[in-house]
mmCIF file of all heavy atoms, coordinates in Angstrom:
data_MODEL
# 
_entry.id   MODEL 
# 
loop_
_atom_site.group_PDB 
_atom_site.id 
_atom_site.type_symbol 
_atom_site.label_atom_id 
_atom_site.label_alt_id 
_atom_site.label_comp_id 
_atom_site.label_asym_id 
_atom_site.label_entity_id 
_atom_site.label_seq_id 
_atom_site.pdbx_PDB_ins_code 
_atom_site.Cartn_x 
_atom_site.Cartn_y 
_atom_site.Cartn_z 
_atom_site.occupancy 
_atom_site.B_iso_or_equiv 
_atom_site.pdbx_formal_charge 
_atom_site.auth_seq_id 
_atom_site.auth_comp_id 
_atom_site.auth_asym_id 
_atom_site.auth_atom_id 
_atom_site.pdbx_PDB_model_num 
ATOM 1   N N   . ASP A 1 1  ? 13.951 12.929 13.624 1.00 0.00 ? 1  ASP A N   1 
ATOM 2   C CA  . ASP A 1 1  ? 13.947 12.245 12.332 1.00 0.00 ? 1  ASP A CA  1 
ATOM 3   C C   . ASP A 1 1  ? 12.595 11.579 12.072 1.00 0.00 ? 1  ASP A C   1 
ATOM 4   O O   . ASP A 1 1  ? 12.061 11.643 10.960 1.00 0.00 ? 1  ASP A O   1 
ATOM 5   C CB  . ASP A 1 1  ? 15.066 11.198 12.309 1.00 0.00 ? 1  ASP A CB  1 
ATOM 6   C CG  . ASP A 1 1  ? 15.102 10.417 10.997 1.00 0.00 ? 1  ASP A CG  1 
ATOM 7   O OD1 . ASP A 1 1  ? 15.343 11.035 9.950  1.00 0.00 ? 1  ASP A OD1 1 
ATOM 8   O OD2 . ASP A 1 1  ? 14.863 9.188  11.025 1.00 0.00 ? 1  ASP A OD2 1 
ATOM 9   N N   . THR A 1 2  ? 12.025 10.976 13.098 1.00 0.00 ? 2  THR A N   1 
ATOM 10  C CA  . THR A 1 2  ? 10.751 10.278 12.949 1.00 0.00 ? 2  THR A CA  1 
ATOM 11  C C   . THR A 1 2  ? 9.617  11.227 12.628 1.00 0.00 ? 2  THR A C   1 
ATOM 12  O O   . THR A 1 2  ? 8.807  10.971 11.727 1.00 0.00 ? 2  THR A O   1 
ATOM 13  C CB  . THR A 1 2  ? 10.422 9.493  14.239 1.00 0.00 ? 2  THR A CB  1 
ATOM 14  O OG1 . THR A 1 2  ? 11.488 8.599  14.528 1.00 0.00 ? 2  THR A OG1 1 
ATOM 15  C CG2 . THR A 1 2  ? 9.130  8.702  14.080 1.00 0.00 ? 2  THR A CG2 1 
ATOM 16  N N   . ILE A 1 3  ? 9.528  12.325 13.352 1.00 0.00 ? 3  ILE A N   1 
ATOM 17  C CA  . ILE A 1 3  ? 8.426  13.261 13.125 1.00 0.00 ? 3  ILE A CA  1 
ATOM 18  C C   . ILE A 1 3  ? 8.522  13.898 11.745 1.00 0.00 ? 3  ILE A C   1 
ATOM 19  O O   . ILE A 1 3  ? 7.508  14.159 11.083 1.00 0.00 ? 3  ILE A O   1 
ATOM 20  C CB  . ILE A 1 3  ? 8.363  14.336 14.242 1.00 0.00 ? 3  ILE A CB  1 
ATOM 21  C CG1 . ILE A 1 3  ? 6.945  14.922 14.346 1.00 0.00 ? 3  ILE A CG1 1 
ATOM 22  C CG2 . ILE A 1 3  ? 9.369  15.446 14.012 1.00 0.00 ? 3  ILE A CG2 1 
ATOM 23  C CD1 . ILE A 1 3  ? 5.927  13.979 14.925 1.00 0.00 ? 3  ILE A CD1 1 
ATOM 24  N N   . GLN A 1 4  ? 9.755  14.131 11.271 1.00 0.00 ? 4  GLN A N   1 
ATOM 25  C CA  . GLN A 1 4  ? 9.917  14.681 9.924  1.00 0.00 ? 4  GLN A CA  1 
ATOM 26  C C   . GLN A 1 4  ? 9.454  13.683 8.874  1.00 0.00 ? 4  GLN A C   1 
ATOM 27  O O   . GLN A 1 4  ? 8.814  14.045 7.877  1.00 0.00 ? 4  GLN A O   1 
ATOM 28  C CB  . GLN A 1 4  ? 11.376 15.076 9.680  1.00 0.00 ? 4  GLN A CB  1 
ATOM 29  C CG  . GLN A 1 4  ? 11.603 15.815 8.369  1.00 0.00 ? 4  GLN A CG  1 
ATOM 30  C CD  . GLN A 1 4  ? 10.783 17.085 8.269  1.00 0.00 ? 4  GLN A CD  1 
ATOM 31  O OE1 . GLN A 1 4  ? 10.856 17.948 9.123  1.00 0.00 ? 4  GLN A OE1 1 
ATOM 32  N NE2 . GLN A 1 4  ? 9.964  17.201 7.222  1.00 0.00 ? 4  GLN A NE2 1 
ATOM 33  N N   . GLN A 1 5  ? 9.768  12.406 9.089  1.00 0.00 ? 5  GLN A N   1 
ATOM 34  C CA  . GLN A 1 5  ? 9.292  11.377 8.168  1.00 0.00 ? 5  GLN A CA  1 
ATOM 35  C C   . GLN A 1 5  ? 7.769  11.296 8.172  1.00 0.00 ? 5  GLN A C   1 
ATOM 36  O O   . GLN A 1 5  ? 7.146  11.095 7.118  1.00 0.00 ? 5  GLN A O   1 
ATOM 37  C CB  . GLN A 1 5  ? 9.887  10.020 8.542  1.00 0.00 ? 5  GLN A CB  1 
ATOM 38  C CG  . GLN A 1 5  ? 11.372 9.878  8.250  1.00 0.00 ? 5  GLN A CG  1 
ATOM 39  C CD  . GLN A 1 5  ? 11.847 8.451  8.479  1.00 0.00 ? 5  GLN A CD  1 
ATOM 40  O OE1 . GLN A 1 5  ? 11.319 7.516  7.885  1.00 0.00 ? 5  GLN A OE1 1 
ATOM 41  N NE2 . GLN A 1 5  ? 12.850 8.291  9.341  1.00 0.00 ? 5  GLN A NE2 1 
ATOM 42  N N   . LEU A 1 6  ? 7.174  11.450 9.345  1.00 0.00 ? 6  LEU A N   1 
ATOM 43  C CA  . LEU A 1 6  ? 5.716  11.435 9.425  1.00 0.00 ? 6  LEU A CA  1 
ATOM 44  C C   . LEU A 1 6  ? 5.103  12.613 8.677  1.00 0.00 ? 6  LEU A C   1 
ATOM 45  O O   . LEU A 1 6  ? 4.091  12.459 7.980  1.00 0.00 ? 6  LEU A O   1 
ATOM 46  C CB  . LEU A 1 6  ? 5.275  11.455 10.880 1.00 0.00 ? 6  LEU A CB  1 
ATOM 47  C CG  . LEU A 1 6  ? 5.491  10.169 11.681 1.00 0.00 ? 6  LEU A CG  1 
ATOM 48  C CD1 . LEU A 1 6  ? 5.163  10.398 13.146 1.00 0.00 ? 6  LEU A CD1 1 
ATOM 49  C CD2 . LEU A 1 6  ? 4.645  9.039  11.122 1.00 0.00 ? 6  LEU A CD2 1 
ATOM 50  N N   . PHE A 1 7  ? 5.710  13.787 8.813  1.00 0.00 ? 7  PHE A N   1 
ATOM 51  C CA  . PHE A 1 7  ? 5.217  14.949 8.070  1.00 0.00 ? 7  PHE A CA  1 
ATOM 52  C C   . PHE A 1 7  ? 5.335  14.713 6.563  1.00 0.00 ? 7  PHE A C   1 
ATOM 53  O O   . PHE A 1 7  ? 4.412  15.024 5.799  1.00 0.00 ? 7  PHE A O   1 
ATOM 54  C CB  . PHE A 1 7  ? 6.009  16.202 8.460  1.00 0.00 ? 7  PHE A CB  1 
ATOM 55  C CG  . PHE A 1 7  ? 5.696  16.732 9.833  1.00 0.00 ? 7  PHE A CG  1 
ATOM 56  C CD1 . PHE A 1 7  ? 6.545  17.633 10.447 1.00 0.00 ? 7  PHE A CD1 1 
ATOM 57  C CD2 . PHE A 1 7  ? 4.556  16.340 10.508 1.00 0.00 ? 7  PHE A CD2 1 
ATOM 58  C CE1 . PHE A 1 7  ? 6.266  18.136 11.714 1.00 0.00 ? 7  PHE A CE1 1 
ATOM 59  C CE2 . PHE A 1 7  ? 4.257  16.821 11.767 1.00 0.00 ? 7  PHE A CE2 1 
ATOM 60  C CZ  . PHE A 1 7  ? 5.122  17.729 12.372 1.00 0.00 ? 7  PHE A CZ  1 
ATOM 61  N N   . ASP A 1 8  ? 6.480  14.176 6.149  1.00 0.00 ? 8  ASP A N   1 
ATOM 62  C CA  . ASP A 1 8  ? 6.677  13.891 4.717  1.00 0.00 ? 8  ASP A CA  1 
ATOM 63  C C   . ASP A 1 8  ? 5.662  12.866 4.229  1.00 0.00 ? 8  ASP A C   1 
ATOM 64  O O   . ASP A 1 8  ? 5.140  12.973 3.117  1.00 0.00 ? 8  ASP A O   1 
ATOM 65  C CB  . ASP A 1 8  ? 8.098  13.380 4.469  1.00 0.00 ? 8  ASP A CB  1 
ATOM 66  C CG  . ASP A 1 8  ? 9.163  14.438 4.741  1.00 0.00 ? 8  ASP A CG  1 
ATOM 67  O OD1 . ASP A 1 8  ? 8.809  15.635 4.777  1.00 0.00 ? 8  ASP A OD1 1 
ATOM 68  O OD2 . ASP A 1 8  ? 10.335 14.071 4.928  1.00 0.00 ? 8  ASP A OD2 1 
ATOM 69  N N   . GLN A 1 9  ? 5.372  11.861 5.080  1.00 0.00 ? 9  GLN A N   1 
ATOM 70  C CA  . GLN A 1 9  ? 4.412  10.827 4.727  1.00 0.00 ? 9  GLN A CA  1 
ATOM 71  C C   . GLN A 1 9  ? 3.018  11.418 4.560  1.00 0.00 ? 9  GLN A C   1 
ATOM 72  O O   . GLN A 1 9  ? 2.288  11.084 3.624  1.00 0.00 ? 9  GLN A O   1 
ATOM 73  C CB  . GLN A 1 9  ? 4.396  9.761  5.823  1.00 0.00 ? 9  GLN A CB  1 
ATOM 74  C CG  . GLN A 1 9  ? 3.656  8.486  5.456  1.00 0.00 ? 9  GLN A CG  1 
ATOM 75  C CD  . GLN A 1 9  ? 4.405  7.664  4.420  1.00 0.00 ? 9  GLN A CD  1 
ATOM 76  O OE1 . GLN A 1 9  ? 5.611  7.519  4.517  1.00 0.00 ? 9  GLN A OE1 1 
ATOM 77  N NE2 . GLN A 1 9  ? 3.698  7.167  3.433  1.00 0.00 ? 9  GLN A NE2 1 
ATOM 78  N N   . TRP A 1 10 ? 2.663  12.315 5.480  1.00 0.00 ? 10 TRP A N   1 
ATOM 79  C CA  . TRP A 1 10 ? 1.336  12.929 5.413  1.00 0.00 ? 10 TRP A CA  1 
ATOM 80  C C   . TRP A 1 10 ? 1.179  13.758 4.141  1.00 0.00 ? 10 TRP A C   1 
ATOM 81  O O   . TRP A 1 10 ? 0.087  13.828 3.571  1.00 0.00 ? 10 TRP A O   1 
ATOM 82  C CB  . TRP A 1 10 ? 1.112  13.808 6.638  1.00 0.00 ? 10 TRP A CB  1 
ATOM 83  C CG  . TRP A 1 10 ? -0.299 14.310 6.730  1.00 0.00 ? 10 TRP A CG  1 
ATOM 84  C CD1 . TRP A 1 10 ? -1.342 13.717 7.359  1.00 0.00 ? 10 TRP A CD1 1 
ATOM 85  C CD2 . TRP A 1 10 ? -0.802 15.518 6.145  1.00 0.00 ? 10 TRP A CD2 1 
ATOM 86  N NE1 . TRP A 1 10 ? -2.476 14.470 7.208  1.00 0.00 ? 10 TRP A NE1 1 
ATOM 87  C CE2 . TRP A 1 10 ? -2.181 15.579 6.464  1.00 0.00 ? 10 TRP A CE2 1 
ATOM 88  C CE3 . TRP A 1 10 ? -0.242 16.533 5.381  1.00 0.00 ? 10 TRP A CE3 1 
ATOM 89  C CZ2 . TRP A 1 10 ? -2.990 16.630 6.051  1.00 0.00 ? 10 TRP A CZ2 1 
ATOM 90  C CZ3 . TRP A 1 10 ? -1.049 17.583 4.964  1.00 0.00 ? 10 TRP A CZ3 1 
ATOM 91  C CH2 . TRP A 1 10 ? -2.405 17.628 5.306  1.00 0.00 ? 10 TRP A CH2 1 
ATOM 92  N N   . GLU A 1 11 ? 2.253  14.386 3.694  1.00 0.00 ? 11 GLU A N   1 
ATOM 93  C CA  . GLU A 1 11 ? 2.196  15.217 2.493  1.00 0.00 ? 11 GLU A CA  1 
ATOM 94  C C   . GLU A 1 11 ? 1.795  14.398 1.264  1.00 0.00 ? 11 GLU A C   1 
ATOM 95  O O   . GLU A 1 11 ? 1.282  14.943 0.289  1.00 0.00 ? 11 GLU A O   1 
ATOM 96  C CB  . GLU A 1 11 ? 3.553  15.878 2.231  1.00 0.00 ? 11 GLU A CB  1 
ATOM 97  C CG  . GLU A 1 11 ? 3.965  16.914 3.272  1.00 0.00 ? 11 GLU A CG  1 
ATOM 98  C CD  . GLU A 1 11 ? 3.230  18.224 3.116  1.00 0.00 ? 11 GLU A CD  1 
ATOM 99  O OE1 . GLU A 1 11 ? 2.422  18.345 2.184  1.00 0.00 ? 11 GLU A OE1 1 
ATOM 100 O OE2 . GLU A 1 11 ? 3.448  19.118 3.952  1.00 0.00 ? 11 GLU A OE2 1 
ATOM 101 N N   . LYS A 1 12 ? 2.028  13.090 1.324  1.00 0.00 ? 12 LYS A N   1 
ATOM 102 C CA  . LYS A 1 12 ? 1.694  12.250 0.168  1.00 0.00 ? 12 LYS A CA  1 
ATOM 103 C C   . LYS A 1 12 ? 0.202  11.910 0.185  1.00 0.00 ? 12 LYS A C   1 
ATOM 104 O O   . LYS A 1 12 ? -0.589 12.506 -0.526 1.00 0.00 ? 12 LYS A O   1 
ATOM 105 C CB  . LYS A 1 12 ? 2.547  10.981 0.187  1.00 0.00 ? 12 LYS A CB  1 
ATOM 106 C CG  . LYS A 1 12 ? 4.034  11.259 0.060  1.00 0.00 ? 12 LYS A CG  1 
ATOM 107 C CD  . LYS A 1 12 ? 4.853  9.985  0.208  1.00 0.00 ? 12 LYS A CD  1 
ATOM 108 C CE  . LYS A 1 12 ? 6.348  10.282 0.163  1.00 0.00 ? 12 LYS A CE  1 
ATOM 109 N NZ  . LYS A 1 12 ? 7.169  9.055  0.371  1.00 0.00 ? 12 LYS A NZ  1 
ATOM 110 N N   . THR A 1 13 ? -0.188 10.952 0.998  1.00 0.00 ? 13 THR A N   1 
ATOM 111 C CA  . THR A 1 13 ? -1.612 10.580 1.044  1.00 0.00 ? 13 THR A CA  1 
ATOM 112 C C   . THR A 1 13 ? -2.136 10.352 2.445  1.00 0.00 ? 13 THR A C   1 
ATOM 113 O O   . THR A 1 13 ? -3.337 10.235 2.647  1.00 0.00 ? 13 THR A O   1 
ATOM 114 C CB  . THR A 1 13 ? -1.849 9.282  0.236  1.00 0.00 ? 13 THR A CB  1 
ATOM 115 O OG1 . THR A 1 13 ? -1.014 8.261  0.778  1.00 0.00 ? 13 THR A OG1 1 
ATOM 116 C CG2 . THR A 1 13 ? -1.543 9.497  -1.241 1.00 0.00 ? 13 THR A CG2 1 
ATOM 117 N N   . GLY A 1 14 ? -1.276 10.228 3.410  1.00 0.00 ? 14 GLY A N   1 
ATOM 118 C CA  . GLY A 1 14 ? -1.714 9.922  4.766  1.00 0.00 ? 14 GLY A CA  1 
ATOM 119 C C   . GLY A 1 14 ? -0.832 8.855  5.369  1.00 0.00 ? 14 GLY A C   1 
ATOM 120 O O   . GLY A 1 14 ? 0.119  8.403  4.754  1.00 0.00 ? 14 GLY A O   1 
ATOM 121 N N   . PHE A 1 15 ? -1.135 8.455  6.603  1.00 0.00 ? 15 PHE A N   1 
ATOM 122 C CA  . PHE A 1 15 ? -0.236 7.558  7.330  1.00 0.00 ? 15 PHE A CA  1 
ATOM 123 C C   . PHE A 1 15 ? -0.657 6.094  7.276  1.00 0.00 ? 15 PHE A C   1 
ATOM 124 O O   . PHE A 1 15 ? 0.112  5.211  6.990  1.00 0.00 ? 15 PHE A O   1 
ATOM 125 C CB  . PHE A 1 15 ? -0.189 7.960  8.810  1.00 0.00 ? 15 PHE A CB  1 
ATOM 126 C CG  . PHE A 1 15 ? 0.213  9.378  9.033  1.00 0.00 ? 15 PHE A CG  1 
ATOM 127 C CD1 . PHE A 1 15 ? -0.700 10.295 9.503  1.00 0.00 ? 15 PHE A CD1 1 
ATOM 128 C CD2 . PHE A 1 15 ? 1.507  9.795  8.781  1.00 0.00 ? 15 PHE A CD2 1 
ATOM 129 C CE1 . PHE A 1 15 ? -0.334 11.605 9.716  1.00 0.00 ? 15 PHE A CE1 1 
ATOM 130 C CE2 . PHE A 1 15 ? 1.875  11.101 9.004  1.00 0.00 ? 15 PHE A CE2 1 
ATOM 131 C CZ  . PHE A 1 15 ? 0.955  12.005 9.467  1.00 0.00 ? 15 PHE A CZ  1 
ATOM 132 N N   . TYR A 1 16 ? -1.887 5.843  7.587  1.00 0.00 ? 16 TYR A N   1 
ATOM 133 C CA  . TYR A 1 16 ? -2.294 4.529  8.075  1.00 0.00 ? 16 TYR A CA  1 
ATOM 134 C C   . TYR A 1 16 ? -1.912 3.381  7.139  1.00 0.00 ? 16 TYR A C   1 
ATOM 135 O O   . TYR A 1 16 ? -1.256 2.425  7.530  1.00 0.00 ? 16 TYR A O   1 
ATOM 136 C CB  . TYR A 1 16 ? -3.792 4.541  8.331  1.00 0.00 ? 16 TYR A CB  1 
ATOM 137 C CG  . TYR A 1 16 ? -4.310 3.256  8.909  1.00 0.00 ? 16 TYR A CG  1 
ATOM 138 C CD1 . TYR A 1 16 ? -3.864 2.814  10.150 1.00 0.00 ? 16 TYR A CD1 1 
ATOM 139 C CD2 . TYR A 1 16 ? -5.226 2.475  8.225  1.00 0.00 ? 16 TYR A CD2 1 
ATOM 140 C CE1 . TYR A 1 16 ? -4.331 1.640  10.700 1.00 0.00 ? 16 TYR A CE1 1 
ATOM 141 C CE2 . TYR A 1 16 ? -5.694 1.301  8.762  1.00 0.00 ? 16 TYR A CE2 1 
ATOM 142 C CZ  . TYR A 1 16 ? -5.246 0.888  9.996  1.00 0.00 ? 16 TYR A CZ  1 
ATOM 143 O OH  . TYR A 1 16 ? -5.707 -0.279 10.536 1.00 0.00 ? 16 TYR A OH  1 
ATOM 144 N N   . ASP A 1 17 ? -2.336 3.443  5.892  1.00 0.00 ? 17 ASP A N   1 
ATOM 145 C CA  . ASP A 1 17 ? -2.110 2.328  4.981  1.00 0.00 ? 17 ASP A CA  1 
ATOM 146 C C   . ASP A 1 17 ? -0.640 2.114  4.686  1.00 0.00 ? 17 ASP A C   1 
ATOM 147 O O   . ASP A 1 17 ? -0.200 0.994  4.462  1.00 0.00 ? 17 ASP A O   1 
ATOM 148 C CB  . ASP A 1 17 ? -2.869 2.559  3.671  1.00 0.00 ? 17 ASP A CB  1 
ATOM 149 C CG  . ASP A 1 17 ? -4.374 2.520  3.896  1.00 0.00 ? 17 ASP A CG  1 
ATOM 150 O OD1 . ASP A 1 17 ? -4.790 1.864  4.866  1.00 0.00 ? 17 ASP A OD1 1 
ATOM 151 O OD2 . ASP A 1 17 ? -5.112 3.143  3.121  1.00 0.00 ? 17 ASP A OD2 1 
ATOM 152 N N   . GLN A 1 18 ? 0.128  3.227  4.650  1.00 0.00 ? 18 GLN A N   1 
ATOM 153 C CA  . GLN A 1 18 ? 1.522  3.120  4.259  1.00 0.00 ? 18 GLN A CA  1 
ATOM 154 C C   . GLN A 1 18 ? 2.442  2.835  5.432  1.00 0.00 ? 18 GLN A C   1 
ATOM 155 O O   . GLN A 1 18 ? 3.529  2.294  5.235  1.00 0.00 ? 18 GLN A O   1 
ATOM 156 C CB  . GLN A 1 18 ? 1.965  4.415  3.570  1.00 0.00 ? 18 GLN A CB  1 
ATOM 157 C CG  . GLN A 1 18 ? 1.141  4.728  2.327  1.00 0.00 ? 18 GLN A CG  1 
ATOM 158 C CD  . GLN A 1 18 ? 1.520  6.072  1.728  1.00 0.00 ? 18 GLN A CD  1 
ATOM 159 O OE1 . GLN A 1 18 ? 2.555  6.617  2.063  1.00 0.00 ? 18 GLN A OE1 1 
ATOM 160 N NE2 . GLN A 1 18 ? 0.681  6.580  0.846  1.00 0.00 ? 18 GLN A NE2 1 
ATOM 161 N N   . LEU A 1 19 ? 2.018  3.150  6.639  1.00 0.00 ? 19 LEU A N   1 
ATOM 162 C CA  . LEU A 1 19 ? 2.906  3.033  7.785  1.00 0.00 ? 19 LEU A CA  1 
ATOM 163 C C   . LEU A 1 19 ? 3.270  1.574  8.065  1.00 0.00 ? 19 LEU A C   1 
ATOM 164 O O   . LEU A 1 19 ? 4.404  1.264  8.450  1.00 0.00 ? 19 LEU A O   1 
ATOM 165 C CB  . LEU A 1 19 ? 2.240  3.646  9.019  1.00 0.00 ? 19 LEU A CB  1 
ATOM 166 C CG  . LEU A 1 19 ? 3.189  4.200  10.092 1.00 0.00 ? 19 LEU A CG  1 
ATOM 167 C CD1 . LEU A 1 19 ? 4.116  5.240  9.506  1.00 0.00 ? 19 LEU A CD1 1 
ATOM 168 C CD2 . LEU A 1 19 ? 2.392  4.783  11.240 1.00 0.00 ? 19 LEU A CD2 1 
ATOM 169 N N   . ALA A 1 20 ? 2.312  0.673  7.855  1.00 0.00 ? 20 ALA A N   1 
ATOM 170 C CA  . ALA A 1 20 ? 2.578  -0.743 8.108  1.00 0.00 ? 20 ALA A CA  1 
ATOM 171 C C   . ALA A 1 20 ? 3.667  -1.288 7.194  1.00 0.00 ? 20 ALA A C   1 
ATOM 172 O O   . ALA A 1 20 ? 4.334  -2.267 7.524  1.00 0.00 ? 20 ALA A O   1 
ATOM 173 C CB  . ALA A 1 20 ? 1.283  -1.542 7.931  1.00 0.00 ? 20 ALA A CB  1 
ATOM 174 N N   . GLU A 1 21 ? 3.847  -0.659 6.041  1.00 0.00 ? 21 GLU A N   1 
ATOM 175 C CA  . GLU A 1 21 ? 4.849  -1.120 5.089  1.00 0.00 ? 21 GLU A CA  1 
ATOM 176 C C   . GLU A 1 21 ? 6.236  -0.549 5.383  1.00 0.00 ? 21 GLU A C   1 
ATOM 177 O O   . GLU A 1 21 ? 7.210  -0.940 4.746  1.00 0.00 ? 21 GLU A O   1 
ATOM 178 C CB  . GLU A 1 21 ? 4.435  -0.719 3.663  1.00 0.00 ? 21 GLU A CB  1 
ATOM 179 C CG  . GLU A 1 21 ? 3.066  -1.282 3.255  1.00 0.00 ? 21 GLU A CG  1 
ATOM 180 C CD  . GLU A 1 21 ? 2.599  -0.701 1.934  1.00 0.00 ? 21 GLU A CD  1 
ATOM 181 O OE1 . GLU A 1 21 ? 3.380  0.061  1.312  1.00 0.00 ? 21 GLU A OE1 1 
ATOM 182 O OE2 . GLU A 1 21 ? 1.468  -1.011 1.523  1.00 0.00 ? 21 GLU A OE2 1 
ATOM 183 N N   . GLN A 1 22 ? 6.327  0.382  6.315  1.00 0.00 ? 22 GLN A N   1 
ATOM 184 C CA  . GLN A 1 22 ? 7.607  1.033  6.601  1.00 0.00 ? 22 GLN A CA  1 
ATOM 185 C C   . GLN A 1 22 ? 8.127  0.542  7.953  1.00 0.00 ? 22 GLN A C   1 
ATOM 186 O O   . GLN A 1 22 ? 7.945  1.178  8.984  1.00 0.00 ? 22 GLN A O   1 
ATOM 187 C CB  . GLN A 1 22 ? 7.431  2.547  6.587  1.00 0.00 ? 22 GLN A CB  1 
ATOM 188 C CG  . GLN A 1 22 ? 6.952  3.051  5.223  1.00 0.00 ? 22 GLN A CG  1 
ATOM 189 C CD  . GLN A 1 22 ? 7.075  4.551  5.101  1.00 0.00 ? 22 GLN A CD  1 
ATOM 190 O OE1 . GLN A 1 22 ? 7.907  5.167  5.746  1.00 0.00 ? 22 GLN A OE1 1 
ATOM 191 N NE2 . GLN A 1 22 ? 6.252  5.133  4.254  1.00 0.00 ? 22 GLN A NE2 1 
ATOM 192 N N   . SER A 1 23 ? 8.755  -0.597 7.912  1.00 0.00 ? 23 SER A N   1 
ATOM 193 C CA  . SER A 1 23 ? 9.203  -1.257 9.139  1.00 0.00 ? 23 SER A CA  1 
ATOM 194 C C   . SER A 1 23 ? 10.228 -0.430 9.897  1.00 0.00 ? 23 SER A C   1 
ATOM 195 O O   . SER A 1 23 ? 10.255 -0.430 11.134 1.00 0.00 ? 23 SER A O   1 
ATOM 196 C CB  . SER A 1 23 ? 9.783  -2.636 8.814  1.00 0.00 ? 23 SER A CB  1 
ATOM 197 O OG  . SER A 1 23 ? 10.857 -2.513 7.886  1.00 0.00 ? 23 SER A OG  1 
ATOM 198 N N   . VAL A 1 24 ? 11.096 0.303  9.173  1.00 0.00 ? 24 VAL A N   1 
ATOM 199 C CA  . VAL A 1 24 ? 12.120 1.114  9.834  1.00 0.00 ? 24 VAL A CA  1 
ATOM 200 C C   . VAL A 1 24 ? 11.479 2.236  10.647 1.00 0.00 ? 24 VAL A C   1 
ATOM 201 O O   . VAL A 1 24 ? 11.857 2.493  11.797 1.00 0.00 ? 24 VAL A O   1 
ATOM 202 C CB  . VAL A 1 24 ? 13.106 1.701  8.798  1.00 0.00 ? 24 VAL A CB  1 
ATOM 203 C CG1 . VAL A 1 24 ? 14.088 2.645  9.485  1.00 0.00 ? 24 VAL A CG1 1 
ATOM 204 C CG2 . VAL A 1 24 ? 13.865 0.585  8.085  1.00 0.00 ? 24 VAL A CG2 1 
# 
């Protein structure tokens, strides 16, 4: 589930800036 969310996140703009906002 986590890796799929990371792939979906990358499809948008990238990880770093948005990851801190996704506490779950």
